[in-house]
Amino acid sequence: MRIVFAGTPEVALPTLEALHASAHDVAAVLTRPDAPTGRGRRLHRSPVADWADAHGIEVLAPAKPREPEFLERLRELDADLVPVVAYGALVPPAALAIPRLGWINLHFSLLPAWRGAAPVQHAVLNGDEMTGACVFQLEEGLDTGPVYGRLTEPIGPGDTAGDLLDRLARAGARLTVDVVDALEAGALVAEPQPEDGVSYAPKITVDDARVRWGDPAFAVDRRIRAVTPAPGAWTDLGGQRLRLGPVTPDPDGPALEPGEVAIAKHHVHVGTATEPVRLGQVQPAGKKPMDAAAWGRGLQTTPRFA
């Protein structure tokens, strides 16, 4: 089949690479425009655009996919299908109607659970034990289209959102190719999503990533893992942000008030509403990540987290 692939971040690359290696023809990619990143705020290509440039594939990067110039180019490409992975913009009906078989989306949840921008993060934050991925027909509603295929993936007790997303991206790439193969053969019919079990996963903000030390230890652990690696968990330390890596709830740790810090030779504990947690890596403002124990040994006074 002739394909235009839509995606933007690194998590989209396994599916793009799998489709490119398949029998299907990736005629172009659709991605978000170059965006400022880093301290210098210099414009950078998206990972999908970089990959396409390296493979000599046309890049389409409209500010909005309803632009007439983009719609015309999509018609000219005469694609059968547009597979989507984390494109990052709403696709208007005018664009959805152009490919012969429409647009299909790889979404990293077991729909109808966790519709929205951050399904993996919310699954970890919620303490789900199982998640997965679905390939569904894209339509105007928010992740509401009928499903062509799905897979399941357990969430381990130490999984971060990044760990889980890496596994789902690889497994989802294989699922997407299987769905595209079956659509080409006319051997697949999408099933409507169940009406029960709908939940939503809005974008995770920097404020969402702030640790709430008044929560129980299990909730502190989940929040930190849910926002690792991005946007990254943090706590207030003297008016500056201290970034935190995953922690370990420690029922045998010292008795501490929420936010109270205890520094020992080999460990740093912080109090929560229940048992304390043992810090892993920390990253002070303007510095590189370091082991919490080494950070604690360098402090002049024992801090308290807000």
Protein backbone atom coordinates (compact mmCIF):
# COMPACT_ATOMS: atom_id res chain seq x y z
CA MET A 1 0.00 0.00 0.00
CA ARG A 2 1.01 3.60 -0.54
CA ILE A 3 1.38 5.31 2.84
CA VAL A 4 1.87 8.75 4.34
CA PHE A 5 3.09 8.34 7.92
CA ALA A 6 2.13 10.92 10.58
CA GLY A 7 4.18 11.27 13.77
CA THR A 8 6.53 13.59 15.61
CA PRO A 9 8.53 12.32 18.64
CA GLU A 10 10.97 9.44 19.02
CA VAL A 11 8.23 7.08 20.17
CA ALA A 12 6.87 7.19 16.60
CA LEU A 13 10.12 5.96 15.04
CA PRO A 14 9.74 2.19 15.65
CA THR A 15 6.48 2.17 13.69
CA LEU A 16 7.89 4.36 10.91
CA GLU A 17 10.94 2.11 10.63
CA ALA A 18 8.80 -1.04 10.61
CA LEU A 19 6.53 0.31 7.87
CA HIS A 20 9.52 1.44 5.82
CA ALA A 21 11.03 -2.06 6.11
CA SER A 22 7.75 -3.70 5.11
CA ALA A 23 6.34 -4.26 1.63
CA HIS A 24 4.47 -0.95 1.84
CA ASP A 25 5.60 2.32 0.25
CA VAL A 26 6.14 5.24 2.64
CA ALA A 27 5.66 8.12 0.20
CA ALA A 28 5.98 10.97 2.73
CA VAL A 29 5.83 11.79 6.43
CA LEU A 30 3.64 14.34 8.17
CA THR A 31 5.10 15.88 11.32
CA ARG A 32 4.94 18.99 13.48
CA PRO A 33 6.94 22.02 12.37
CA ASP A 34 10.46 22.70 13.63
CA ALA A 35 10.26 23.85 17.25
CA PRO A 36 12.59 25.71 19.65
CA THR A 37 14.28 23.45 22.21
CA GLY A 38 17.07 23.64 24.76
CA ARG A 39 18.49 26.61 26.58
CA GLY A 40 19.29 28.47 23.39
CA ARG A 41 15.75 27.89 22.07
CA ARG A 42 17.13 27.02 18.65
CA LEU A 43 14.80 25.50 16.08
CA HIS A 44 15.12 21.72 15.74
CA ARG A 45 13.54 19.19 13.42
CA SER A 46 11.31 16.56 14.96
CA PRO A 47 12.80 13.05 15.28
CA VAL A 48 10.43 11.87 12.54
CA ALA A 49 11.53 14.67 10.22
CA ASP A 50 15.20 13.90 10.91
CA TRP A 51 14.60 10.24 10.10
CA ALA A 52 12.78 11.09 6.87
CA ASP A 53 15.54 13.49 5.81
CA ALA A 54 18.13 10.74 6.32
CA HIS A 55 16.10 8.33 4.18
CA GLY A 56 15.25 10.73 1.38
CA ILE A 57 11.53 10.83 2.17
CA GLU A 58 9.42 13.94 1.67
CA VAL A 59 8.53 15.83 4.87
CA LEU A 60 5.21 17.65 5.26
CA ALA A 61 5.15 20.01 8.27
CA PRO A 62 2.15 22.35 8.08
CA ALA A 63 1.44 24.59 11.06
CA LYS A 64 -2.05 23.08 11.01
CA PRO A 65 -3.23 20.08 8.96
CA ARG A 66 -6.24 22.01 7.68
CA GLU A 67 -4.05 24.30 5.57
CA PRO A 68 -5.18 24.19 1.91
CA GLU A 69 -1.62 23.66 0.67
CA PHE A 70 -1.21 20.57 2.85
CA LEU A 71 -4.59 19.13 1.85
CA GLU A 72 -3.74 19.58 -1.81
CA ARG A 73 -0.36 17.87 -1.41
CA LEU A 74 -2.00 14.98 0.44
CA ARG A 75 -4.38 14.53 -2.49
CA GLU A 76 -1.48 14.61 -4.94
CA LEU A 77 0.35 11.90 -3.00
CA ASP A 78 -2.65 9.61 -3.60
CA ALA A 79 -2.03 7.61 -0.42
CA ASP A 80 -4.16 4.59 0.46
CA LEU A 81 -3.69 5.07 4.20
CA VAL A 82 -2.18 7.38 6.82
CA PRO A 83 -0.90 5.54 9.93
CA VAL A 84 -0.45 7.88 12.92
CA VAL A 85 1.71 7.64 16.04
CA ALA A 86 1.83 10.68 18.35
CA TYR A 87 1.46 13.27 15.59
CA GLY A 88 0.44 15.98 18.05
CA ALA A 89 -2.33 17.88 16.25
CA LEU A 90 -6.03 17.37 15.62
CA VAL A 91 -6.74 16.09 12.11
CA PRO A 92 -9.72 17.81 10.46
CA PRO A 93 -12.44 15.89 8.59
CA ALA A 94 -11.22 17.30 5.27
CA ALA A 95 -7.87 15.54 5.78
CA LEU A 96 -9.38 12.35 7.20
CA ALA A 97 -11.43 11.90 4.04
CA ILE A 98 -8.57 12.07 1.54
CA PRO A 99 -6.81 8.65 1.79
CA ARG A 100 -8.76 5.73 0.37
CA LEU A 101 -8.73 3.86 3.71
CA GLY A 102 -8.56 6.91 5.96
CA TRP A 103 -6.20 7.31 8.91
CA ILE A 104 -5.37 4.71 11.57
CA ASN A 105 -3.84 5.57 14.94
CA LEU A 106 -1.54 3.57 17.24
CA HIS A 107 -2.60 4.58 20.75
CA PHE A 108 -0.79 3.38 23.87
CA SER A 109 -3.69 2.17 26.01
CA LEU A 110 -6.43 -0.42 25.99
CA LEU A 111 -9.19 1.77 24.63
CA PRO A 112 -11.60 3.06 25.78
CA ALA A 113 -9.34 3.46 28.83
CA TRP A 114 -7.08 6.51 28.85
CA ARG A 115 -8.19 8.40 25.79
CA GLY A 116 -6.03 11.46 25.28
CA ALA A 117 -2.48 12.76 25.15
CA ALA A 118 -0.78 10.91 28.03
CA PRO A 119 -2.21 7.39 28.38
CA VAL A 120 0.97 5.71 29.62
CA GLN A 121 1.66 8.35 32.26
CA HIS A 122 -1.89 8.15 33.60
CA ALA A 123 -1.83 4.34 33.67
CA VAL A 124 1.29 4.44 35.88
CA LEU A 125 -0.08 7.29 38.01
CA ASN A 126 -3.33 5.39 38.54
CA GLY A 127 -1.53 2.21 39.60
CA ASP A 128 -2.85 0.09 36.73
CA GLU A 129 -1.35 -3.39 36.59
CA MET A 130 -2.05 -3.88 32.87
CA THR A 131 -2.05 -1.65 29.83
CA GLY A 132 -1.48 -2.14 26.12
CA ALA A 133 -1.86 -0.56 22.72
CA CYS A 134 -4.61 -0.30 20.10
CA VAL A 135 -4.71 0.50 16.42
CA PHE A 136 -8.00 2.20 15.63
CA GLN A 137 -9.70 4.13 12.84
CA LEU A 138 -9.12 7.84 13.39
CA GLU A 139 -12.26 9.98 13.44
CA GLU A 140 -13.32 13.38 14.76
CA GLY A 141 -13.86 12.23 18.36
CA LEU A 142 -11.01 11.98 20.86
CA ASP A 143 -9.68 8.42 20.37
CA THR A 144 -13.22 7.13 19.85
CA GLY A 145 -12.85 5.21 16.59
CA PRO A 146 -13.39 1.47 16.11
CA VAL A 147 -10.41 -0.78 16.89
CA TYR A 148 -8.58 -3.00 14.38
CA GLY A 149 -6.17 -4.67 16.76
CA ARG A 150 -4.82 -4.57 20.28
CA LEU A 151 -2.08 -5.98 22.48
CA THR A 152 -1.57 -6.13 26.23
CA GLU A 153 1.47 -5.28 28.36
CA PRO A 154 1.88 -5.70 32.15
CA ILE A 155 3.07 -2.74 34.20
CA GLY A 156 5.85 -3.77 36.56
CA PRO A 157 6.16 -2.30 40.08
CA GLY A 158 9.28 -0.37 39.08
CA ASP A 159 8.27 0.67 35.56
CA THR A 160 8.57 4.32 34.66
CA ALA A 161 6.44 5.83 31.92
CA GLY A 162 9.56 5.84 29.75
CA ASP A 163 10.20 2.11 30.30
CA LEU A 164 6.63 1.23 29.46
CA LEU A 165 6.42 3.51 26.45
CA ASP A 166 9.60 2.00 24.97
CA ARG A 167 8.12 -1.50 25.16
CA LEU A 168 4.75 -0.42 23.80
CA ALA A 169 6.37 1.48 20.92
CA ARG A 170 8.25 -1.63 19.79
CA ALA A 171 5.32 -4.00 20.19
CA GLY A 172 2.94 -1.44 18.69
CA ALA A 173 5.11 -1.14 15.59
CA ARG A 174 4.62 -4.83 14.86
CA LEU A 175 0.90 -4.54 15.55
CA THR A 176 0.58 -1.59 13.16
CA VAL A 177 2.32 -3.42 10.31
CA ASP A 178 0.06 -6.44 10.88
CA VAL A 179 -3.01 -4.19 10.70
CA VAL A 180 -1.80 -2.49 7.52
CA ASP A 181 -1.10 -5.90 5.94
CA ALA A 182 -4.59 -7.10 6.83
CA LEU A 183 -6.23 -3.93 5.54
CA GLU A 184 -4.44 -4.34 2.23
CA ALA A 185 -5.75 -7.91 2.03
CA GLY A 186 -9.28 -6.77 2.93
CA ALA A 187 -9.23 -9.24 5.81
CA LEU A 188 -9.92 -6.97 8.77
CA VAL A 189 -13.01 -5.30 10.21
CA ALA A 190 -12.80 -2.78 13.04
CA GLU A 191 -14.80 -3.37 16.22
CA PRO A 192 -16.55 -0.47 18.00
CA GLN A 193 -15.11 0.47 21.36
CA PRO A 194 -17.11 -0.59 24.44
CA GLU A 195 -19.31 2.10 25.95
CA ASP A 196 -18.15 1.23 29.47
CA GLY A 197 -14.68 1.83 30.91
CA VAL A 198 -14.02 5.23 29.34
CA SER A 199 -11.31 7.30 31.05
CA TYR A 200 -9.25 10.27 29.95
CA ALA A 201 -5.55 11.07 30.02
CA PRO A 202 -4.90 14.79 29.53
CA LYS A 203 -1.39 16.09 28.93
CA ILE A 204 0.88 15.94 31.98
CA THR A 205 1.99 19.39 33.10
CA VAL A 206 5.05 20.52 35.05
CA ASP A 207 2.78 21.17 38.04
CA ASP A 208 1.51 17.57 37.81
CA ALA A 209 5.15 16.48 38.16
CA ARG A 210 5.62 18.23 41.50
CA VAL A 211 5.84 15.64 44.28
CA ARG A 212 3.08 15.80 46.90
CA TRP A 213 4.83 14.68 50.10
CA GLY A 214 1.50 14.66 51.93
CA ASP A 215 0.41 11.71 49.77
CA PRO A 216 1.00 8.10 50.84
CA ALA A 217 4.35 6.59 49.83
CA PHE A 218 2.79 4.42 47.12
CA ALA A 219 1.25 7.52 45.49
CA VAL A 220 4.55 9.42 45.67
CA ASP A 221 6.28 6.46 44.01
CA ARG A 222 3.63 6.27 41.25
CA ARG A 223 3.73 10.00 40.54
CA ILE A 224 7.50 10.06 40.17
CA ARG A 225 7.53 7.01 37.89
CA ALA A 226 4.64 8.43 35.84
CA VAL A 227 6.55 11.60 34.97
CA THR A 228 9.92 9.94 34.36
CA PRO A 229 11.65 10.87 32.09
CA ALA A 230 9.39 13.76 31.05
CA PRO A 231 8.56 16.26 32.31
CA GLY A 232 10.51 14.91 35.29
CA ALA A 233 9.53 14.82 38.97
CA TRP A 234 10.61 17.71 41.16
CA THR A 235 10.31 19.20 44.61
CA ASP A 236 10.93 22.66 46.00
CA LEU A 237 14.21 23.11 47.84
CA GLY A 238 14.82 26.63 49.08
CA GLY A 239 12.93 28.17 46.18
CA GLN A 240 14.69 26.06 43.54
CA ARG A 241 13.60 22.86 41.84
CA LEU A 242 15.34 19.65 42.79
CA ARG A 243 14.61 17.00 40.19
CA LEU A 244 14.04 13.48 41.45
CA GLY A 245 14.43 10.07 39.90
CA PRO A 246 12.36 7.06 40.97
CA VAL A 247 12.18 6.39 44.72
CA THR A 248 11.69 3.28 46.88
CA PRO A 249 9.01 3.15 49.60
CA ASP A 250 10.77 1.93 52.74
CA PRO A 251 8.57 0.64 55.58
CA ASP A 252 11.71 0.08 57.67
CA GLY A 253 12.93 3.65 57.21
CA PRO A 254 12.93 6.35 59.89
CA ALA A 255 9.70 7.94 61.11
CA LEU A 256 9.43 11.30 59.33
CA GLU A 257 6.86 14.02 58.76
CA PRO A 258 5.79 14.68 55.14
CA GLY A 259 8.67 16.46 53.39
CA GLU A 260 11.10 15.93 56.28
CA VAL A 261 14.50 14.70 55.11
CA ALA A 262 16.83 12.26 56.92
CA ILE A 263 20.39 11.92 55.60
CA ALA A 264 22.46 8.85 56.42
CA LYS A 265 25.80 7.65 55.07
CA HIS A 266 24.33 5.55 52.28
CA HIS A 267 20.70 6.71 52.03
CA VAL A 268 18.46 9.76 51.98
CA HIS A 269 14.88 9.30 53.18
CA VAL A 270 11.94 11.69 52.83
CA GLY A 271 8.74 11.49 54.83
CA THR A 272 5.29 10.98 53.28
CA ALA A 273 1.81 10.49 54.75
CA THR A 274 2.75 6.85 55.44
CA GLU A 275 6.21 5.26 55.42
CA PRO A 276 9.18 7.26 54.07
CA VAL A 277 10.66 6.84 50.62
CA ARG A 278 14.34 6.35 49.85
CA LEU A 279 15.63 8.69 47.15
CA GLY A 280 17.50 7.37 44.11
CA GLN A 281 19.02 9.99 41.84
CA VAL A 282 18.59 13.72 42.33
CA GLN A 283 19.47 16.66 40.10
CA PRO A 284 20.00 20.07 41.68
CA ALA A 285 19.29 23.12 39.52
CA GLY A 286 22.07 23.67 36.98
CA LYS A 287 23.86 20.40 37.80
CA LYS A 288 24.01 16.86 36.49
CA PRO A 289 22.06 13.99 38.07
CA MET A 290 23.81 12.35 41.03
CA ASP A 291 23.24 9.67 43.63
CA ALA A 292 21.13 10.98 46.48
CA ALA A 293 23.60 9.82 49.12
CA ALA A 294 26.44 11.76 47.49
CA TRP A 295 24.19 14.81 47.23
CA GLY A 296 23.23 14.51 50.88
CA ARG A 297 26.85 14.28 52.04
CA GLY A 298 27.59 17.59 50.33
CA LEU A 299 24.89 19.56 52.15
CA GLN A 300 25.73 21.95 54.95
CA THR A 301 22.33 21.60 56.65
CA THR A 302 19.49 19.09 56.44
CA PRO A 303 16.80 20.47 54.12
CA ARG A 304 13.05 20.08 54.19
CA PHE A 305 11.07 19.62 50.98
CA ALA A 306 7.99 21.71 50.24
